[in-house]
Amino acid sequence: MRNKKVILKKAIFLDRDGTINYDSKDYIKSAEEFKLFPFSVEALVKLYQKNFELIIITNQSGISRGFFTDEDLQNIHNKLIRELDKQDAKLLDIFYCPHSFDSMCQCRKPNTGNIIKAVDKYNIDLSKSWFVGDSEKDIIAGNNSGCKTAFVLSGVRGLTKEIVENWKIKPDLIEENLLTTADKIIELENL
């Protein structure tokens, strides 16, 4: 019996809130509150057309804190999927951590549990993949997984390029938003 060669895929792992949609310090609790940045669909389409698998890795502790339910979260994600489907861009999957900040679970960023689940499920080549997010925990999770990392300044935390450049673990890219990040990744990867 011959061994089947497994083809590894490249992926863009994406934080959700502050990266592809407007964030809120009070959590995004419903599909009505979920608003994509005007550039997000274009950015995701560009990456998808360059054969990157699009995978969201998001912390959603609002579930464990009782601010919204798993069903509310599914409605939010269905809205996102519908918006992307209109442009022929497909999310491969969405992995989320519903646990609280102090749960010590392995799926909550900066831990890498959900990234590892995605790699195992979809045969992702981390060395050819990127993690894009708007927080230090996103950059740490991507770095600890072996991805290249990109930080977007579009989140609500008020972080500046100067602050991010002084982190212990620095991102490979610091960009204004997901669209400028997508363009830069495509340029750097010579796609």
C-alpha atoms as a PDB file:
ATOM      1  CA  MET A   1       0.000   0.000   0.000  1.00  0.00           C
ATOM      2  CA  ARG A   2       1.374   3.372  -1.013  1.00  0.00           C
ATOM      3  CA  ASN A   3       1.527   6.344   1.290  1.00  0.00           C
ATOM      4  CA  LYS A   4      -0.696   9.152   0.150  1.00  0.00           C
ATOM      5  CA  LYS A   5       1.076  12.492  -0.039  1.00  0.00           C
ATOM      6  CA  VAL A   6      -0.693  15.087   2.082  1.00  0.00           C
ATOM      7  CA  ILE A   7      -0.826  18.494   0.483  1.00  0.00           C
ATOM      8  CA  LEU A   8      -0.404  21.204   3.086  1.00  0.00           C
ATOM      9  CA  LYS A   9      -2.388  24.431   2.681  1.00  0.00           C
ATOM     10  CA  LYS A  10      -1.426  27.970   3.543  1.00  0.00           C
ATOM     11  CA  ALA A  11      -3.806  29.968   5.704  1.00  0.00           C
ATOM     12  CA  ILE A  12      -4.590  33.401   6.993  1.00  0.00           C
ATOM     13  CA  PHE A  13      -5.658  33.069  10.604  1.00  0.00           C
ATOM     14  CA  LEU A  14      -7.744  36.071  11.530  1.00  0.00           C
ATOM     15  CA  ASP A  15      -8.789  37.586  14.782  1.00  0.00           C
ATOM     16  CA  ARG A  16     -12.374  38.825  14.398  1.00  0.00           C
ATOM     17  CA  ASP A  17     -13.259  41.915  16.443  1.00  0.00           C
ATOM     18  CA  GLY A  18     -11.117  44.920  15.580  1.00  0.00           C
ATOM     19  CA  THR A  19      -9.554  43.086  12.650  1.00  0.00           C
ATOM     20  CA  ILE A  20     -12.431  42.368  10.241  1.00  0.00           C
ATOM     21  CA  ASN A  21     -15.249  44.186  12.024  1.00  0.00           C
ATOM     22  CA  TYR A  22     -15.722  47.149  14.319  1.00  0.00           C
ATOM     23  CA  ASP A  23     -15.074  46.159  17.909  1.00  0.00           C
ATOM     24  CA  SER A  24     -16.841  47.267  21.062  1.00  0.00           C
ATOM     25  CA  LYS A  25     -15.577  47.434  24.624  1.00  0.00           C
ATOM     26  CA  ASP A  26     -19.034  46.074  25.541  1.00  0.00           C
ATOM     27  CA  TYR A  27     -18.744  43.012  23.246  1.00  0.00           C
ATOM     28  CA  ILE A  28     -20.453  42.356  19.922  1.00  0.00           C
ATOM     29  CA  LYS A  29     -23.551  40.585  21.233  1.00  0.00           C
ATOM     30  CA  SER A  30     -25.809  40.207  18.177  1.00  0.00           C
ATOM     31  CA  ALA A  31     -25.834  40.103  14.402  1.00  0.00           C
ATOM     32  CA  GLU A  32     -27.330  43.600  14.463  1.00  0.00           C
ATOM     33  CA  GLU A  33     -24.277  44.907  16.346  1.00  0.00           C
ATOM     34  CA  PHE A  34     -21.851  43.158  13.977  1.00  0.00           C
ATOM     35  CA  LYS A  35     -20.558  45.661  11.394  1.00  0.00           C
ATOM     36  CA  LEU A  36     -17.794  44.807   8.957  1.00  0.00           C
ATOM     37  CA  PHE A  37     -15.139  47.395   8.227  1.00  0.00           C
ATOM     38  CA  PRO A  38     -15.793  48.766   4.703  1.00  0.00           C
ATOM     39  CA  PHE A  39     -12.502  47.263   3.453  1.00  0.00           C
ATOM     40  CA  SER A  40     -12.783  43.789   5.004  1.00  0.00           C
ATOM     41  CA  VAL A  41     -14.584  41.911   2.257  1.00  0.00           C
ATOM     42  CA  GLU A  42     -12.211  43.272  -0.400  1.00  0.00           C
ATOM     43  CA  ALA A  43      -9.204  42.263   1.724  1.00  0.00           C
ATOM     44  CA  LEU A  44     -10.519  38.747   2.346  1.00  0.00           C
ATOM     45  CA  VAL A  45     -11.415  38.284  -1.330  1.00  0.00           C
ATOM     46  CA  LYS A  46      -7.857  39.265  -2.327  1.00  0.00           C
ATOM     47  CA  LEU A  47      -6.346  36.755   0.088  1.00  0.00           C
ATOM     48  CA  TYR A  48      -8.793  34.030  -0.892  1.00  0.00           C
ATOM     49  CA  GLN A  49      -8.001  34.569  -4.573  1.00  0.00           C
ATOM     50  CA  LYS A  50      -4.322  34.028  -3.754  1.00  0.00           C
ATOM     51  CA  ASN A  51      -5.216  30.564  -2.412  1.00  0.00           C
ATOM     52  CA  PHE A  52      -5.019  31.335   1.280  1.00  0.00           C
ATOM     53  CA  GLU A  53      -7.494  29.443   3.442  1.00  0.00           C
ATOM     54  CA  LEU A  54      -9.344  31.945   5.646  1.00  0.00           C
ATOM     55  CA  ILE A  55      -9.774  30.821   9.250  1.00  0.00           C
ATOM     56  CA  ILE A  56     -11.046  32.927  12.124  1.00  0.00           C
ATOM     57  CA  ILE A  57      -9.557  32.332  15.585  1.00  0.00           C
ATOM     58  CA  THR A  58     -11.454  34.396  18.131  1.00  0.00           C
ATOM     59  CA  ASN A  59     -11.848  34.709  21.883  1.00  0.00           C
ATOM     60  CA  GLN A  60     -15.517  35.141  22.826  1.00  0.00           C
ATOM     61  CA  SER A  61     -15.579  35.192  26.624  1.00  0.00           C
ATOM     62  CA  GLY A  62     -18.861  37.112  26.476  1.00  0.00           C
ATOM     63  CA  ILE A  63     -20.500  33.678  26.251  1.00  0.00           C
ATOM     64  CA  SER A  64     -19.149  32.482  29.605  1.00  0.00           C
ATOM     65  CA  ARG A  65     -19.890  35.887  31.106  1.00  0.00           C
ATOM     66  CA  GLY A  66     -23.546  35.662  30.012  1.00  0.00           C
ATOM     67  CA  PHE A  67     -23.536  38.629  27.604  1.00  0.00           C
ATOM     68  CA  PHE A  68     -24.597  36.484  24.637  1.00  0.00           C
ATOM     69  CA  THR A  69     -25.171  32.839  23.755  1.00  0.00           C
ATOM     70  CA  ASP A  70     -23.591  30.328  21.384  1.00  0.00           C
ATOM     71  CA  GLU A  71     -26.682  30.823  19.196  1.00  0.00           C
ATOM     72  CA  ASP A  72     -26.114  34.609  19.119  1.00  0.00           C
ATOM     73  CA  LEU A  73     -22.510  33.979  18.096  1.00  0.00           C
ATOM     74  CA  GLN A  74     -23.607  31.599  15.338  1.00  0.00           C
ATOM     75  CA  ASN A  75     -25.987  34.279  14.017  1.00  0.00           C
ATOM     76  CA  ILE A  76     -23.098  36.770  13.941  1.00  0.00           C
ATOM     77  CA  HIS A  77     -20.903  34.311  12.066  1.00  0.00           C
ATOM     78  CA  ASN A  78     -23.696  33.431   9.636  1.00  0.00           C
ATOM     79  CA  LYS A  79     -23.991  37.143   8.786  1.00  0.00           C
ATOM     80  CA  LEU A  80     -20.250  37.286   8.093  1.00  0.00           C
ATOM     81  CA  ILE A  81     -20.369  34.142   5.949  1.00  0.00           C
ATOM     82  CA  ARG A  82     -23.277  35.550   3.890  1.00  0.00           C
ATOM     83  CA  GLU A  83     -21.370  38.794   3.236  1.00  0.00           C
ATOM     84  CA  LEU A  84     -18.324  36.885   2.021  1.00  0.00           C
ATOM     85  CA  ASP A  85     -20.403  34.461  -0.065  1.00  0.00           C
ATOM     86  CA  LYS A  86     -21.771  37.440  -2.043  1.00  0.00           C
ATOM     87  CA  GLN A  87     -18.198  38.098  -3.205  1.00  0.00           C
ATOM     88  CA  ASP A  88     -17.193  34.464  -3.721  1.00  0.00           C
ATOM     89  CA  ALA A  89     -14.824  34.394  -0.773  1.00  0.00           C
ATOM     90  CA  LYS A  90     -15.189  31.509   1.647  1.00  0.00           C
ATOM     91  CA  LEU A  91     -14.169  31.146   5.245  1.00  0.00           C
ATOM     92  CA  LEU A  92     -12.792  27.675   5.751  1.00  0.00           C
ATOM     93  CA  ASP A  93     -13.793  27.652   9.409  1.00  0.00           C
ATOM     94  CA  ILE A  94     -14.289  29.659  12.585  1.00  0.00           C
ATOM     95  CA  PHE A  95     -12.769  28.497  15.867  1.00  0.00           C
ATOM     96  CA  TYR A  96     -13.782  30.328  19.018  1.00  0.00           C
ATOM     97  CA  CYS A  97     -13.022  30.150  22.709  1.00  0.00           C
ATOM     98  CA  PRO A  98     -16.095  30.783  24.878  1.00  0.00           C
ATOM     99  CA  HIS A  99     -14.153  30.631  28.131  1.00  0.00           C
ATOM    100  CA  SER A 100     -13.389  33.405  30.610  1.00  0.00           C
ATOM    101  CA  PHE A 101     -10.077  35.201  30.996  1.00  0.00           C
ATOM    102  CA  ASP A 102      -9.089  33.110  34.019  1.00  0.00           C
ATOM    103  CA  SER A 103     -10.133  29.701  32.686  1.00  0.00           C
ATOM    104  CA  MET A 104      -6.589  28.598  31.792  1.00  0.00           C
ATOM    105  CA  CYS A 105      -7.985  26.802  28.737  1.00  0.00           C
ATOM    106  CA  GLN A 106      -5.724  26.020  25.790  1.00  0.00           C
ATOM    107  CA  CYS A 107      -8.115  27.437  23.175  1.00  0.00           C
ATOM    108  CA  ARG A 108      -8.003  31.019  24.509  1.00  0.00           C
ATOM    109  CA  LYS A 109      -5.440  33.214  22.758  1.00  0.00           C
ATOM    110  CA  PRO A 110      -2.573  33.738  23.360  1.00  0.00           C
ATOM    111  CA  ASN A 111      -2.653  29.946  23.754  1.00  0.00           C
ATOM    112  CA  THR A 112      -2.553  28.046  20.491  1.00  0.00           C
ATOM    113  CA  GLY A 113      -5.189  25.345  21.017  1.00  0.00           C
ATOM    114  CA  ASN A 114      -7.588  26.559  18.323  1.00  0.00           C
ATOM    115  CA  ILE A 115      -4.774  27.096  15.836  1.00  0.00           C
ATOM    116  CA  ILE A 116      -3.586  23.530  16.448  1.00  0.00           C
ATOM    117  CA  LYS A 117      -7.156  22.253  15.939  1.00  0.00           C
ATOM    118  CA  ALA A 118      -7.305  24.070  12.589  1.00  0.00           C
ATOM    119  CA  VAL A 119      -3.893  22.741  11.512  1.00  0.00           C
ATOM    120  CA  ASP A 120      -4.882  19.180  12.361  1.00  0.00           C
ATOM    121  CA  LYS A 121      -8.303  19.424  10.749  1.00  0.00           C
ATOM    122  CA  TYR A 122      -7.204  21.079   7.488  1.00  0.00           C
ATOM    123  CA  ASN A 123      -3.517  20.171   6.985  1.00  0.00           C
ATOM    124  CA  ILE A 124      -2.261  23.739   7.314  1.00  0.00           C
ATOM    125  CA  ASP A 125       1.397  24.566   6.742  1.00  0.00           C
ATOM    126  CA  LEU A 126       2.132  27.088   9.490  1.00  0.00           C
ATOM    127  CA  SER A 127       5.420  28.157   7.899  1.00  0.00           C
ATOM    128  CA  LYS A 128       3.434  29.484   4.900  1.00  0.00           C
ATOM    129  CA  SER A 129       0.651  30.984   7.004  1.00  0.00           C
ATOM    130  CA  TRP A 130      -0.048  34.311   8.690  1.00  0.00           C
ATOM    131  CA  PHE A 131      -1.905  35.349  11.819  1.00  0.00           C
ATOM    132  CA  VAL A 132      -3.543  38.783  11.574  1.00  0.00           C
ATOM    133  CA  GLY A 133      -4.928  40.528  14.647  1.00  0.00           C
ATOM    134  CA  ASP A 134      -5.312  43.712  16.649  1.00  0.00           C
ATOM    135  CA  SER A 135      -3.901  42.642  20.029  1.00  0.00           C
ATOM    136  CA  GLU A 136      -0.681  41.432  21.552  1.00  0.00           C
ATOM    137  CA  LYS A 137      -2.268  38.065  22.350  1.00  0.00           C
ATOM    138  CA  ASP A 138      -2.957  37.574  18.610  1.00  0.00           C
ATOM    139  CA  ILE A 139       0.684  38.209  17.765  1.00  0.00           C
ATOM    140  CA  ILE A 140       1.891  35.908  20.560  1.00  0.00           C
ATOM    141  CA  ALA A 141      -0.478  33.113  19.452  1.00  0.00           C
ATOM    142  CA  GLY A 142       0.642  33.408  15.832  1.00  0.00           C
ATOM    143  CA  ASN A 143       4.303  33.573  16.753  1.00  0.00           C
ATOM    144  CA  ASN A 144       4.053  30.614  19.130  1.00  0.00           C
ATOM    145  CA  SER A 145       2.369  28.615  16.364  1.00  0.00           C
ATOM    146  CA  GLY A 146       5.119  29.295  13.852  1.00  0.00           C
ATOM    147  CA  CYS A 147       3.133  31.704  11.653  1.00  0.00           C
ATOM    148  CA  LYS A 148       4.234  35.043  10.353  1.00  0.00           C
ATOM    149  CA  THR A 149       2.237  37.752  12.086  1.00  0.00           C
ATOM    150  CA  ALA A 150       0.590  41.032  11.152  1.00  0.00           C
ATOM    151  CA  PHE A 151      -0.807  43.616  13.531  1.00  0.00           C
ATOM    152  CA  VAL A 152      -3.632  45.920  12.409  1.00  0.00           C
ATOM    153  CA  LEU A 153      -4.161  49.315  14.040  1.00  0.00           C
ATOM    154  CA  SER A 154      -7.940  49.207  13.459  1.00  0.00           C
ATOM    155  CA  GLY A 155      -8.892  47.852  16.914  1.00  0.00           C
ATOM    156  CA  VAL A 156     -10.374  49.811  19.821  1.00  0.00           C
ATOM    157  CA  ARG A 157      -7.385  49.504  22.116  1.00  0.00           C
ATOM    158  CA  GLY A 158      -5.699  52.713  20.929  1.00  0.00           C
ATOM    159  CA  LEU A 159      -2.381  51.013  20.267  1.00  0.00           C
ATOM    160  CA  THR A 160       0.119  52.875  18.113  1.00  0.00           C
ATOM    161  CA  LYS A 161       2.863  51.607  15.865  1.00  0.00           C
ATOM    162  CA  GLU A 162       5.439  52.907  18.371  1.00  0.00           C
ATOM    163  CA  ILE A 163       3.886  50.899  21.224  1.00  0.00           C
ATOM    164  CA  VAL A 164       3.681  47.710  19.157  1.00  0.00           C
ATOM    165  CA  GLU A 165       7.293  48.064  17.997  1.00  0.00           C
ATOM    166  CA  ASN A 166       8.350  47.887  21.658  1.00  0.00           C
ATOM    167  CA  TRP A 167       6.619  44.596  22.447  1.00  0.00           C
ATOM    168  CA  LYS A 168       8.826  41.676  23.440  1.00  0.00           C
ATOM    169  CA  ILE A 169       7.322  39.596  20.606  1.00  0.00           C
ATOM    170  CA  LYS A 170       7.007  41.892  17.614  1.00  0.00           C
ATOM    171  CA  PRO A 171       4.759  41.308  14.591  1.00  0.00           C
ATOM    172  CA  ASP A 172       6.313  40.854  11.159  1.00  0.00           C
ATOM    173  CA  LEU A 173       4.017  43.601   9.848  1.00  0.00           C
ATOM    174  CA  ILE A 174       2.238  46.576  11.378  1.00  0.00           C
ATOM    175  CA  GLU A 175      -0.444  47.976   9.091  1.00  0.00           C
ATOM    176  CA  GLU A 176      -3.393  50.363   9.274  1.00  0.00           C
ATOM    177  CA  ASN A 177      -6.054  47.765   8.543  1.00  0.00           C
ATOM    178  CA  LEU A 178      -6.853  44.405   6.998  1.00  0.00           C
ATOM    179  CA  LEU A 179      -6.795  45.729   3.421  1.00  0.00           C
ATOM    180  CA  THR A 180      -3.325  47.256   3.683  1.00  0.00           C
ATOM    181  CA  THR A 181      -2.236  44.045   5.419  1.00  0.00           C
ATOM    182  CA  ALA A 182      -3.645  41.861   2.630  1.00  0.00           C
ATOM    183  CA  ASP A 183      -1.853  43.953  -0.011  1.00  0.00           C
ATOM    184  CA  LYS A 184       1.422  43.756   1.910  1.00  0.00           C
ATOM    185  CA  ILE A 185       1.173  39.984   2.481  1.00  0.00           C
ATOM    186  CA  ILE A 186       0.505  39.448  -1.238  1.00  0.00           C
ATOM    187  CA  GLU A 187       3.509  41.645  -2.079  1.00  0.00           C
ATOM    188  CA  LEU A 188       5.824  39.920   0.409  1.00  0.00           C
ATOM    189  CA  GLU A 189       4.763  36.447  -0.705  1.00  0.00           C
ATOM    190  CA  ASN A 190       5.303  37.427  -4.390  1.00  0.00           C
ATOM    191  CA  LEU A 191       1.788  36.335  -5.311  1.00  0.00           C
END
